[in-house]
Amino acid sequence: MPKVFEKDGYKFFFYSNDHLPIRVHVRHGNGEAVFTIGDDVILRESAGLKVKELSKAENLAEEHRTLIIEKWNEHFNR
């Protein structure tokens, strides 16, 4: 489970068997969400995150979109 980055208690990571489209998982407390990363950051699914936590996770994913794409390409040799 390659870690992309961690900030304010939000841990962003990939699963080693993930596939395209680029997606990033984020955990915070007991909740988790998955975002598809492309020109935009799009929520795929979430469980256990409050609306405010989900919004923060989405903002962090948008802020670090370039890093997420770079780490994805690095890890999956694209």
C-alpha atoms as a PDB file:
ATOM      1  CA  MET A   1       0.000   0.000   0.000  1.00  0.00           C
ATOM      2  CA  PRO A   2       2.164   2.890  -1.269  1.00  0.00           C
ATOM      3  CA  LYS A   3       1.630   6.091   0.703  1.00  0.00           C
ATOM      4  CA  VAL A   4       1.330   9.252  -1.382  1.00  0.00           C
ATOM      5  CA  PHE A   5       1.236  11.802   1.439  1.00  0.00           C
ATOM      6  CA  GLU A   6      -0.250  12.503   4.846  1.00  0.00           C
ATOM      7  CA  LYS A   7      -1.581  15.836   6.089  1.00  0.00           C
ATOM      8  CA  ASP A   8      -3.761  16.890   9.017  1.00  0.00           C
ATOM      9  CA  GLY A   9      -4.538  13.257   9.867  1.00  0.00           C
ATOM     10  CA  TYR A  10      -5.572  12.377   6.283  1.00  0.00           C
ATOM     11  CA  LYS A  11      -3.521   9.539   4.769  1.00  0.00           C
ATOM     12  CA  PHE A  12      -3.542   9.312   0.968  1.00  0.00           C
ATOM     13  CA  PHE A  13      -2.454   6.029  -0.605  1.00  0.00           C
ATOM     14  CA  PHE A  14      -2.829   3.538  -3.477  1.00  0.00           C
ATOM     15  CA  TYR A  15      -3.385  -0.180  -3.391  1.00  0.00           C
ATOM     16  CA  SER A  16      -0.695  -2.059  -5.319  1.00  0.00           C
ATOM     17  CA  ASN A  17      -3.337  -3.792  -7.442  1.00  0.00           C
ATOM     18  CA  ASP A  18      -5.161  -0.566  -8.409  1.00  0.00           C
ATOM     19  CA  HIS A  19      -5.788   0.047 -12.090  1.00  0.00           C
ATOM     20  CA  LEU A  20      -6.720   2.922 -14.353  1.00  0.00           C
ATOM     21  CA  PRO A  21      -8.314   5.361 -14.075  1.00  0.00           C
ATOM     22  CA  ILE A  22      -5.951   6.923 -11.545  1.00  0.00           C
ATOM     23  CA  ARG A  23      -7.520   6.821  -8.111  1.00  0.00           C
ATOM     24  CA  VAL A  24      -6.360   7.645  -4.626  1.00  0.00           C
ATOM     25  CA  HIS A  25      -7.702   6.315  -1.343  1.00  0.00           C
ATOM     26  CA  VAL A  26      -7.804   8.494   1.749  1.00  0.00           C
ATOM     27  CA  ARG A  27      -8.306   7.485   5.377  1.00  0.00           C
ATOM     28  CA  HIS A  28      -9.185   9.749   8.239  1.00  0.00           C
ATOM     29  CA  GLY A  29     -10.228   8.352  11.600  1.00  0.00           C
ATOM     30  CA  ASN A  30     -12.531   5.411  10.907  1.00  0.00           C
ATOM     31  CA  GLY A  31     -13.587   6.720   7.489  1.00  0.00           C
ATOM     32  CA  GLU A  32     -12.301   6.215   3.986  1.00  0.00           C
ATOM     33  CA  ALA A  33     -12.955   7.715   0.558  1.00  0.00           C
ATOM     34  CA  VAL A  34     -11.772   7.059  -2.983  1.00  0.00           C
ATOM     35  CA  PHE A  35     -11.248   9.788  -5.552  1.00  0.00           C
ATOM     36  CA  THR A  36     -10.654   9.416  -9.285  1.00  0.00           C
ATOM     37  CA  ILE A  37      -7.882  11.768 -10.354  1.00  0.00           C
ATOM     38  CA  GLY A  38      -7.785  13.281 -13.830  1.00  0.00           C
ATOM     39  CA  ASP A  39      -8.385  16.817 -15.033  1.00  0.00           C
ATOM     40  CA  ASP A  40     -10.755  16.973 -12.071  1.00  0.00           C
ATOM     41  CA  VAL A  41     -10.924  15.197  -8.725  1.00  0.00           C
ATOM     42  CA  ILE A  42     -14.117  13.156  -8.551  1.00  0.00           C
ATOM     43  CA  LEU A  43     -15.459  11.303  -5.523  1.00  0.00           C
ATOM     44  CA  ARG A  44     -16.017   7.622  -6.335  1.00  0.00           C
ATOM     45  CA  GLU A  45     -17.163   6.410  -2.940  1.00  0.00           C
ATOM     46  CA  SER A  46     -16.906   7.107   0.755  1.00  0.00           C
ATOM     47  CA  ALA A  47     -17.806   5.520   4.058  1.00  0.00           C
ATOM     48  CA  GLY A  48     -17.585   6.763   7.608  1.00  0.00           C
ATOM     49  CA  LEU A  49     -16.500  10.344   6.846  1.00  0.00           C
ATOM     50  CA  LYS A  50     -18.536  13.349   7.935  1.00  0.00           C
ATOM     51  CA  VAL A  51     -19.390  15.907   5.243  1.00  0.00           C
ATOM     52  CA  LYS A  52     -16.771  18.334   6.583  1.00  0.00           C
ATOM     53  CA  GLU A  53     -14.091  15.597   6.617  1.00  0.00           C
ATOM     54  CA  LEU A  54     -14.997  14.519   3.100  1.00  0.00           C
ATOM     55  CA  SER A  55     -14.788  18.107   1.894  1.00  0.00           C
ATOM     56  CA  LYS A  56     -11.345  18.487   3.495  1.00  0.00           C
ATOM     57  CA  ALA A  57     -10.175  15.223   1.874  1.00  0.00           C
ATOM     58  CA  GLU A  58     -11.393  16.410  -1.526  1.00  0.00           C
ATOM     59  CA  ASN A  59      -9.678  19.788  -1.111  1.00  0.00           C
ATOM     60  CA  LEU A  60      -6.402  18.060  -0.174  1.00  0.00           C
ATOM     61  CA  ALA A  61      -6.686  15.734  -3.187  1.00  0.00           C
ATOM     62  CA  GLU A  62      -7.263  18.731  -5.466  1.00  0.00           C
ATOM     63  CA  GLU A  63      -4.366  20.636  -3.892  1.00  0.00           C
ATOM     64  CA  HIS A  64      -2.019  17.654  -4.385  1.00  0.00           C
ATOM     65  CA  ARG A  65      -3.448  16.383  -7.704  1.00  0.00           C
ATOM     66  CA  THR A  66      -0.123  16.730  -9.546  1.00  0.00           C
ATOM     67  CA  LEU A  67       1.744  14.867  -6.782  1.00  0.00           C
ATOM     68  CA  ILE A  68      -0.842  12.066  -6.801  1.00  0.00           C
ATOM     69  CA  ILE A  69      -0.489  11.638 -10.580  1.00  0.00           C
ATOM     70  CA  GLU A  70       3.325  11.673 -10.337  1.00  0.00           C
ATOM     71  CA  LYS A  71       3.340   9.065  -7.553  1.00  0.00           C
ATOM     72  CA  TRP A  72       0.844   6.889  -9.464  1.00  0.00           C
ATOM     73  CA  ASN A  73       3.010   6.963 -12.597  1.00  0.00           C
ATOM     74  CA  GLU A  74       6.126   6.277 -10.529  1.00  0.00           C
ATOM     75  CA  HIS A  75       4.594   3.305  -8.736  1.00  0.00           C
ATOM     76  CA  PHE A  76       2.862   1.749 -11.737  1.00  0.00           C
ATOM     77  CA  ASN A  77       5.741   2.534 -14.158  1.00  0.00           C
ATOM     78  CA  ARG A  78       3.653   4.601 -16.563  1.00  0.00           C
END
